[in-house]
Amino acid sequence: MHMPPPVHGAAMVGKYIHDSQVINNAFECHYLNLALAKDLNDIGKGGIKKLKDFYKLLMQIRKQVKSIKPQLCYVTPNAKGGAFYKDFFVVMLLKMMKQKVMVHYHNKGVATRQDKTSFLTIYSTGDSSKT
């Protein structure tokens, strides 16, 4: 999930989940921060460094999944922009690794795109009930 920095709504929800004693006492949790942006000015910008960081993130996810063998992967993807596609690849990697994935959108970008067939298809790809 996304966690600060940068500080924004979805990242703060991620931090709340990460820091929750209720959640961490009820489940054996392992966390990976999906954020590639380091500050608010970095959001929405691409570049070679972010591409390299994304590759490292995918390798870290692959390594963690093989090591931990989680029962469920909870992913909080962005609903729009380049980060949407980045998170889509994360979900697809997890599905290729035969993981059950729970997708939880925190932002309102879905509402602005849910009528577009291409986005609806991609949004539903993360539906763990279809695994």
N, C-alpha and C. Protein backbone atom coordinates (compact mmCIF):
# COMPACT_ATOMS: atom_id res chain seq x y z
N MET A 1 0.84 -1.17 0.00
CA MET A 1 0.00 0.00 0.00
C MET A 1 0.88 1.23 0.00
N HIS A 2 0.28 2.38 -0.26
CA HIS A 2 1.02 3.63 -0.26
C HIS A 2 1.08 4.20 1.15
N MET A 3 2.27 4.64 1.53
CA MET A 3 2.47 5.25 2.85
C MET A 3 3.32 6.52 2.67
N PRO A 4 3.19 7.46 3.60
CA PRO A 4 3.96 8.70 3.49
C PRO A 4 5.46 8.44 3.62
N PRO A 5 6.30 9.30 3.07
CA PRO A 5 5.95 10.43 2.25
C PRO A 5 5.64 10.01 0.81
N PRO A 6 5.03 10.83 0.02
CA PRO A 6 4.43 12.11 0.37
C PRO A 6 3.14 11.92 1.16
N VAL A 7 2.75 12.96 1.84
CA VAL A 7 1.55 12.92 2.67
C VAL A 7 0.34 13.30 1.82
N HIS A 8 -0.58 12.36 1.66
CA HIS A 8 -1.86 12.60 0.99
C HIS A 8 -2.84 11.59 1.55
N GLY A 9 -4.09 11.69 1.15
CA GLY A 9 -5.16 10.88 1.74
C GLY A 9 -4.90 9.38 1.76
N ALA A 10 -4.61 8.80 0.58
CA ALA A 10 -4.42 7.35 0.52
C ALA A 10 -3.20 6.91 1.33
N ALA A 11 -2.15 7.72 1.32
CA ALA A 11 -0.95 7.38 2.10
C ALA A 11 -1.24 7.42 3.59
N MET A 12 -2.07 8.36 4.01
CA MET A 12 -2.41 8.45 5.43
C MET A 12 -3.27 7.25 5.86
N VAL A 13 -4.15 6.78 4.99
CA VAL A 13 -4.92 5.57 5.30
C VAL A 13 -3.97 4.38 5.41
N GLY A 14 -2.98 4.31 4.50
CA GLY A 14 -1.98 3.25 4.57
C GLY A 14 -1.22 3.27 5.88
N LYS A 15 -0.84 4.46 6.32
CA LYS A 15 -0.14 4.59 7.60
C LYS A 15 -1.04 4.16 8.76
N TYR A 16 -2.30 4.55 8.70
CA TYR A 16 -3.26 4.16 9.74
C TYR A 16 -3.36 2.63 9.83
N ILE A 17 -3.45 1.97 8.68
CA ILE A 17 -3.52 0.51 8.66
C ILE A 17 -2.21 -0.08 9.19
N HIS A 18 -1.10 0.44 8.72
CA HIS A 18 0.22 -0.04 9.14
C HIS A 18 0.40 0.06 10.65
N ASP A 19 -0.08 1.16 11.24
CA ASP A 19 0.12 1.42 12.66
C ASP A 19 -0.98 0.84 13.55
N SER A 20 -2.02 0.26 12.96
CA SER A 20 -3.16 -0.22 13.73
C SER A 20 -2.82 -1.46 14.55
N GLN A 21 -2.94 -1.34 15.86
CA GLN A 21 -2.72 -2.50 16.74
C GLN A 21 -3.80 -3.55 16.52
N VAL A 22 -5.02 -3.11 16.26
CA VAL A 22 -6.13 -4.05 16.03
C VAL A 22 -5.82 -4.95 14.84
N ILE A 23 -5.42 -4.35 13.73
CA ILE A 23 -5.11 -5.12 12.52
C ILE A 23 -3.88 -5.99 12.73
N ASN A 24 -2.83 -5.41 13.29
CA ASN A 24 -1.58 -6.15 13.45
C ASN A 24 -1.67 -7.25 14.50
N ASN A 25 -2.56 -7.12 15.48
CA ASN A 25 -2.76 -8.19 16.46
C ASN A 25 -3.66 -9.31 15.91
N ALA A 26 -4.54 -8.96 14.98
CA ALA A 26 -5.46 -9.95 14.42
C ALA A 26 -4.83 -10.75 13.27
N PHE A 27 -3.87 -10.15 12.58
CA PHE A 27 -3.27 -10.79 11.41
C PHE A 27 -1.75 -10.68 11.47
N GLU A 28 -1.08 -11.62 10.83
CA GLU A 28 0.37 -11.52 10.67
C GLU A 28 0.60 -10.69 9.41
N CYS A 29 0.95 -9.43 9.59
CA CYS A 29 1.04 -8.49 8.48
C CYS A 29 2.49 -8.21 8.09
N HIS A 30 2.67 -8.05 6.80
CA HIS A 30 3.94 -7.62 6.22
C HIS A 30 3.60 -6.51 5.25
N TYR A 31 4.35 -5.43 5.27
CA TYR A 31 4.01 -4.25 4.49
C TYR A 31 5.10 -3.89 3.49
N LEU A 32 4.66 -3.48 2.30
CA LEU A 32 5.55 -2.90 1.30
C LEU A 32 4.93 -1.59 0.84
N ASN A 33 5.71 -0.55 0.82
CA ASN A 33 5.24 0.75 0.36
C ASN A 33 5.31 0.79 -1.16
N LEU A 34 4.17 0.98 -1.82
CA LEU A 34 4.12 1.02 -3.28
C LEU A 34 4.46 2.38 -3.87
N ALA A 35 4.59 3.40 -3.03
CA ALA A 35 4.83 4.76 -3.51
C ALA A 35 6.23 4.90 -4.10
N LEU A 36 6.29 5.53 -5.26
CA LEU A 36 7.58 5.86 -5.87
C LEU A 36 7.89 7.34 -5.71
N ALA A 37 6.87 8.16 -5.50
CA ALA A 37 7.05 9.60 -5.30
C ALA A 37 7.63 9.83 -3.91
N LYS A 38 8.58 10.74 -3.83
CA LYS A 38 9.22 11.05 -2.55
C LYS A 38 8.61 12.28 -1.87
N ASP A 39 7.96 13.15 -2.66
CA ASP A 39 7.27 14.31 -2.10
C ASP A 39 6.11 14.68 -3.02
N LEU A 40 5.28 15.63 -2.61
CA LEU A 40 4.10 16.00 -3.38
C LEU A 40 4.45 16.52 -4.77
N ASN A 41 5.58 17.20 -4.91
CA ASN A 41 6.00 17.72 -6.22
C ASN A 41 6.39 16.60 -7.18
N ASP A 42 6.69 15.43 -6.66
CA ASP A 42 7.14 14.29 -7.45
C ASP A 42 5.95 13.47 -8.00
N ILE A 43 4.77 13.70 -7.47
CA ILE A 43 3.59 12.95 -7.90
C ILE A 43 3.25 13.31 -9.34
N GLY A 44 3.00 12.28 -10.16
CA GLY A 44 2.60 12.49 -11.54
C GLY A 44 3.76 12.68 -12.50
N LYS A 45 4.97 12.64 -12.00
CA LYS A 45 6.14 12.80 -12.86
C LYS A 45 6.82 11.45 -13.05
N GLY A 46 7.31 11.24 -14.26
CA GLY A 46 8.00 10.00 -14.58
C GLY A 46 9.50 10.20 -14.53
N GLY A 47 10.20 9.38 -15.28
CA GLY A 47 11.64 9.51 -15.37
C GLY A 47 12.34 8.17 -15.22
N ILE A 48 13.58 8.17 -15.60
CA ILE A 48 14.40 6.95 -15.54
C ILE A 48 14.54 6.45 -14.11
N LYS A 49 14.75 7.36 -13.16
CA LYS A 49 14.92 6.95 -11.77
C LYS A 49 13.66 6.23 -11.26
N LYS A 50 12.48 6.77 -11.59
CA LYS A 50 11.25 6.12 -11.15
C LYS A 50 11.08 4.76 -11.82
N LEU A 51 11.49 4.67 -13.09
CA LEU A 51 11.40 3.38 -13.79
C LEU A 51 12.31 2.35 -13.12
N LYS A 52 13.51 2.76 -12.75
CA LYS A 52 14.44 1.86 -12.04
C LYS A 52 13.87 1.48 -10.67
N ASP A 53 13.32 2.47 -9.97
CA ASP A 53 12.72 2.21 -8.65
C ASP A 53 11.53 1.26 -8.78
N PHE A 54 10.77 1.40 -9.85
CA PHE A 54 9.63 0.51 -10.08
C PHE A 54 10.10 -0.92 -10.32
N TYR A 55 11.14 -1.08 -11.10
CA TYR A 55 11.70 -2.42 -11.33
C TYR A 55 12.16 -3.03 -10.00
N LYS A 56 12.84 -2.24 -9.17
CA LYS A 56 13.29 -2.72 -7.86
C LYS A 56 12.09 -3.10 -6.99
N LEU A 57 11.03 -2.31 -7.06
CA LEU A 57 9.82 -2.61 -6.29
C LEU A 57 9.21 -3.94 -6.73
N LEU A 58 9.13 -4.17 -8.03
CA LEU A 58 8.58 -5.44 -8.53
C LEU A 58 9.43 -6.62 -8.06
N MET A 59 10.74 -6.47 -8.09
CA MET A 59 11.62 -7.54 -7.63
C MET A 59 11.47 -7.76 -6.12
N GLN A 60 11.28 -6.68 -5.37
CA GLN A 60 11.08 -6.79 -3.93
C GLN A 60 9.75 -7.51 -3.64
N ILE A 61 8.72 -7.17 -4.38
CA ILE A 61 7.42 -7.84 -4.21
C ILE A 61 7.57 -9.33 -4.51
N ARG A 62 8.22 -9.65 -5.61
CA ARG A 62 8.42 -11.05 -6.00
C ARG A 62 9.17 -11.82 -4.91
N LYS A 63 10.23 -11.23 -4.41
CA LYS A 63 11.04 -11.86 -3.36
C LYS A 63 10.23 -12.06 -2.08
N GLN A 64 9.49 -11.03 -1.67
CA GLN A 64 8.70 -11.12 -0.44
C GLN A 64 7.61 -12.18 -0.55
N VAL A 65 6.92 -12.21 -1.68
CA VAL A 65 5.84 -13.19 -1.86
C VAL A 65 6.41 -14.61 -1.81
N LYS A 66 7.53 -14.83 -2.47
CA LYS A 66 8.15 -16.16 -2.44
C LYS A 66 8.58 -16.54 -1.03
N SER A 67 9.08 -15.57 -0.27
CA SER A 67 9.57 -15.82 1.08
C SER A 67 8.44 -16.00 2.09
N ILE A 68 7.48 -15.09 2.06
CA ILE A 68 6.42 -15.06 3.08
C ILE A 68 5.27 -16.02 2.76
N LYS A 69 4.96 -16.15 1.46
CA LYS A 69 3.81 -16.95 1.01
C LYS A 69 2.51 -16.49 1.69
N PRO A 70 2.13 -15.24 1.43
CA PRO A 70 0.95 -14.68 2.11
C PRO A 70 -0.35 -15.35 1.69
N GLN A 71 -1.32 -15.35 2.60
CA GLN A 71 -2.64 -15.87 2.28
C GLN A 71 -3.45 -14.86 1.47
N LEU A 72 -3.17 -13.58 1.67
CA LEU A 72 -3.90 -12.51 1.00
C LEU A 72 -2.99 -11.30 0.85
N CYS A 73 -3.05 -10.68 -0.32
CA CYS A 73 -2.31 -9.45 -0.57
C CYS A 73 -3.32 -8.31 -0.70
N TYR A 74 -3.17 -7.30 0.13
CA TYR A 74 -4.04 -6.13 0.15
C TYR A 74 -3.31 -5.02 -0.59
N VAL A 75 -3.91 -4.53 -1.67
CA VAL A 75 -3.27 -3.52 -2.50
C VAL A 75 -4.19 -2.30 -2.58
N THR A 76 -3.60 -1.13 -2.41
CA THR A 76 -4.36 0.12 -2.49
C THR A 76 -3.88 0.91 -3.72
N PRO A 77 -4.36 0.55 -4.90
CA PRO A 77 -3.85 1.22 -6.10
C PRO A 77 -4.42 2.61 -6.30
N ASN A 78 -3.67 3.40 -7.07
CA ASN A 78 -4.19 4.68 -7.53
C ASN A 78 -5.24 4.39 -8.59
N ALA A 79 -6.20 5.28 -8.74
CA ALA A 79 -7.29 5.06 -9.68
C ALA A 79 -7.07 5.76 -11.01
N LYS A 80 -6.00 6.56 -11.13
CA LYS A 80 -5.80 7.29 -12.38
C LYS A 80 -4.32 7.67 -12.53
N GLY A 81 -4.00 8.14 -13.71
CA GLY A 81 -2.64 8.60 -14.00
C GLY A 81 -1.65 7.47 -14.19
N GLY A 82 -0.38 7.84 -14.30
CA GLY A 82 0.67 6.85 -14.49
C GLY A 82 0.76 5.87 -13.34
N ALA A 83 0.49 6.34 -12.13
CA ALA A 83 0.55 5.46 -10.96
C ALA A 83 -0.51 4.36 -11.05
N PHE A 84 -1.63 4.64 -11.72
CA PHE A 84 -2.66 3.62 -11.92
C PHE A 84 -2.07 2.43 -12.67
N TYR A 85 -1.34 2.71 -13.75
CA TYR A 85 -0.75 1.63 -14.56
C TYR A 85 0.36 0.92 -13.79
N LYS A 86 1.13 1.67 -13.01
CA LYS A 86 2.16 1.06 -12.17
C LYS A 86 1.52 0.07 -11.21
N ASP A 87 0.46 0.49 -10.55
CA ASP A 87 -0.21 -0.38 -9.58
C ASP A 87 -0.92 -1.54 -10.27
N PHE A 88 -1.39 -1.32 -11.49
CA PHE A 88 -1.99 -2.41 -12.27
C PHE A 88 -0.95 -3.52 -12.48
N PHE A 89 0.28 -3.14 -12.81
CA PHE A 89 1.34 -4.13 -12.99
C PHE A 89 1.64 -4.86 -11.69
N VAL A 90 1.57 -4.17 -10.58
CA VAL A 90 1.77 -4.81 -9.27
C VAL A 90 0.70 -5.87 -9.04
N VAL A 91 -0.55 -5.52 -9.29
CA VAL A 91 -1.65 -6.48 -9.10
C VAL A 91 -1.48 -7.66 -10.05
N MET A 92 -1.12 -7.40 -11.30
CA MET A 92 -0.94 -8.49 -12.26
C MET A 92 0.22 -9.40 -11.86
N LEU A 93 1.31 -8.83 -11.34
CA LEU A 93 2.43 -9.65 -10.86
C LEU A 93 1.95 -10.58 -9.75
N LEU A 94 1.20 -10.03 -8.80
CA LEU A 94 0.69 -10.84 -7.70
C LEU A 94 -0.22 -11.95 -8.21
N LYS A 95 -1.07 -11.63 -9.19
CA LYS A 95 -1.97 -12.65 -9.74
C LYS A 95 -1.19 -13.72 -10.50
N MET A 96 -0.14 -13.30 -11.22
CA MET A 96 0.70 -14.27 -11.93
C MET A 96 1.40 -15.19 -10.94
N MET A 97 1.62 -14.70 -9.72
CA MET A 97 2.25 -15.51 -8.68
C MET A 97 1.21 -16.29 -7.88
N LYS A 98 -0.03 -16.33 -8.41
CA LYS A 98 -1.14 -17.11 -7.82
C LYS A 98 -1.56 -16.61 -6.44
N GLN A 99 -1.45 -15.29 -6.23
CA GLN A 99 -1.84 -14.71 -4.95
C GLN A 99 -3.30 -14.26 -4.98
N LYS A 100 -3.98 -14.39 -3.85
CA LYS A 100 -5.29 -13.79 -3.70
C LYS A 100 -5.05 -12.32 -3.42
N VAL A 101 -5.75 -11.46 -4.16
CA VAL A 101 -5.51 -10.03 -4.06
C VAL A 101 -6.80 -9.31 -3.70
N MET A 102 -6.71 -8.48 -2.67
CA MET A 102 -7.83 -7.60 -2.31
C MET A 102 -7.41 -6.18 -2.74
N VAL A 103 -8.20 -5.59 -3.64
CA VAL A 103 -7.91 -4.26 -4.14
C VAL A 103 -8.85 -3.28 -3.46
N HIS A 104 -8.28 -2.19 -2.93
CA HIS A 104 -9.04 -1.18 -2.21
C HIS A 104 -8.67 0.20 -2.73
N TYR A 105 -9.58 0.80 -3.51
CA TYR A 105 -9.34 2.14 -4.04
C TYR A 105 -9.72 3.17 -3.00
N HIS A 106 -8.80 4.09 -2.69
CA HIS A 106 -9.04 5.12 -1.70
C HIS A 106 -9.41 6.47 -2.31
N ASN A 107 -9.19 6.63 -3.59
CA ASN A 107 -9.44 7.96 -4.16
C ASN A 107 -10.60 7.94 -5.13
N LYS A 108 -11.05 9.12 -5.49
CA LYS A 108 -12.27 9.25 -6.27
C LYS A 108 -12.04 9.12 -7.77
N GLY A 109 -10.86 8.78 -8.23
CA GLY A 109 -10.59 8.65 -9.66
C GLY A 109 -11.42 7.59 -10.34
N VAL A 110 -11.84 6.57 -9.62
CA VAL A 110 -12.66 5.50 -10.21
C VAL A 110 -13.98 6.08 -10.70
N ALA A 111 -14.61 6.94 -9.92
CA ALA A 111 -15.91 7.50 -10.29
C ALA A 111 -15.85 8.26 -11.61
N THR A 112 -14.72 8.88 -11.91
CA THR A 112 -14.61 9.65 -13.15
C THR A 112 -14.29 8.78 -14.35
N ARG A 113 -13.94 7.52 -14.15
CA ARG A 113 -13.56 6.64 -15.25
C ARG A 113 -14.38 5.37 -15.34
N GLN A 114 -15.24 5.10 -14.40
CA GLN A 114 -15.91 3.81 -14.36
C GLN A 114 -16.85 3.56 -15.54
N ASP A 115 -17.24 4.60 -16.27
CA ASP A 115 -18.10 4.42 -17.43
C ASP A 115 -17.32 4.07 -18.69
N LYS A 116 -16.01 4.14 -18.63
CA LYS A 116 -15.18 3.82 -19.79
C LYS A 116 -14.84 2.34 -19.74
N THR A 117 -15.21 1.62 -20.78
CA THR A 117 -15.05 0.16 -20.82
C THR A 117 -13.63 -0.28 -20.54
N SER A 118 -12.64 0.41 -21.10
CA SER A 118 -11.25 -0.01 -20.91
C SER A 118 -10.84 0.07 -19.45
N PHE A 119 -11.25 1.13 -18.76
CA PHE A 119 -10.89 1.26 -17.35
C PHE A 119 -11.68 0.27 -16.50
N LEU A 120 -12.95 0.06 -16.83
CA LEU A 120 -13.77 -0.88 -16.07
C LEU A 120 -13.17 -2.28 -16.14
N THR A 121 -12.67 -2.65 -17.30
CA THR A 121 -12.03 -3.96 -17.46
C THR A 121 -10.79 -4.06 -16.58
N ILE A 122 -9.97 -3.01 -16.59
CA ILE A 122 -8.75 -3.03 -15.78
C ILE A 122 -9.09 -3.00 -14.29
N TYR A 123 -10.06 -2.16 -13.89
CA TYR A 123 -10.45 -2.11 -12.48
C TYR A 123 -10.90 -3.49 -12.01
N SER A 124 -11.65 -4.19 -12.82
CA SER A 124 -12.18 -5.50 -12.40
C SER A 124 -11.11 -6.58 -12.40
N THR A 125 -9.97 -6.35 -13.05
CA THR A 125 -8.87 -7.31 -13.04
C THR A 125 -8.39 -7.58 -11.64
N GLY A 126 -8.47 -6.60 -10.77
CA GLY A 126 -8.02 -6.75 -9.39
C GLY A 126 -9.03 -7.41 -8.50
N ASP A 127 -10.20 -7.78 -9.01
CA ASP A 127 -11.27 -8.35 -8.19
C ASP A 127 -10.86 -9.75 -7.72
N SER A 128 -10.59 -9.88 -6.44
CA SER A 128 -10.11 -11.16 -5.90
C SER A 128 -11.17 -12.25 -5.97
N SER A 129 -12.44 -11.88 -6.14
CA SER A 129 -13.48 -12.91 -6.26
C SER A 129 -13.38 -13.64 -7.59
N LYS A 130 -12.61 -13.10 -8.54
CA LYS A 130 -12.45 -13.72 -9.84
C LYS A 130 -11.18 -14.57 -9.90
N THR A 131 -10.49 -14.70 -8.79
CA THR A 131 -9.23 -15.45 -8.77
C THR A 131 -9.51 -16.93 -8.87
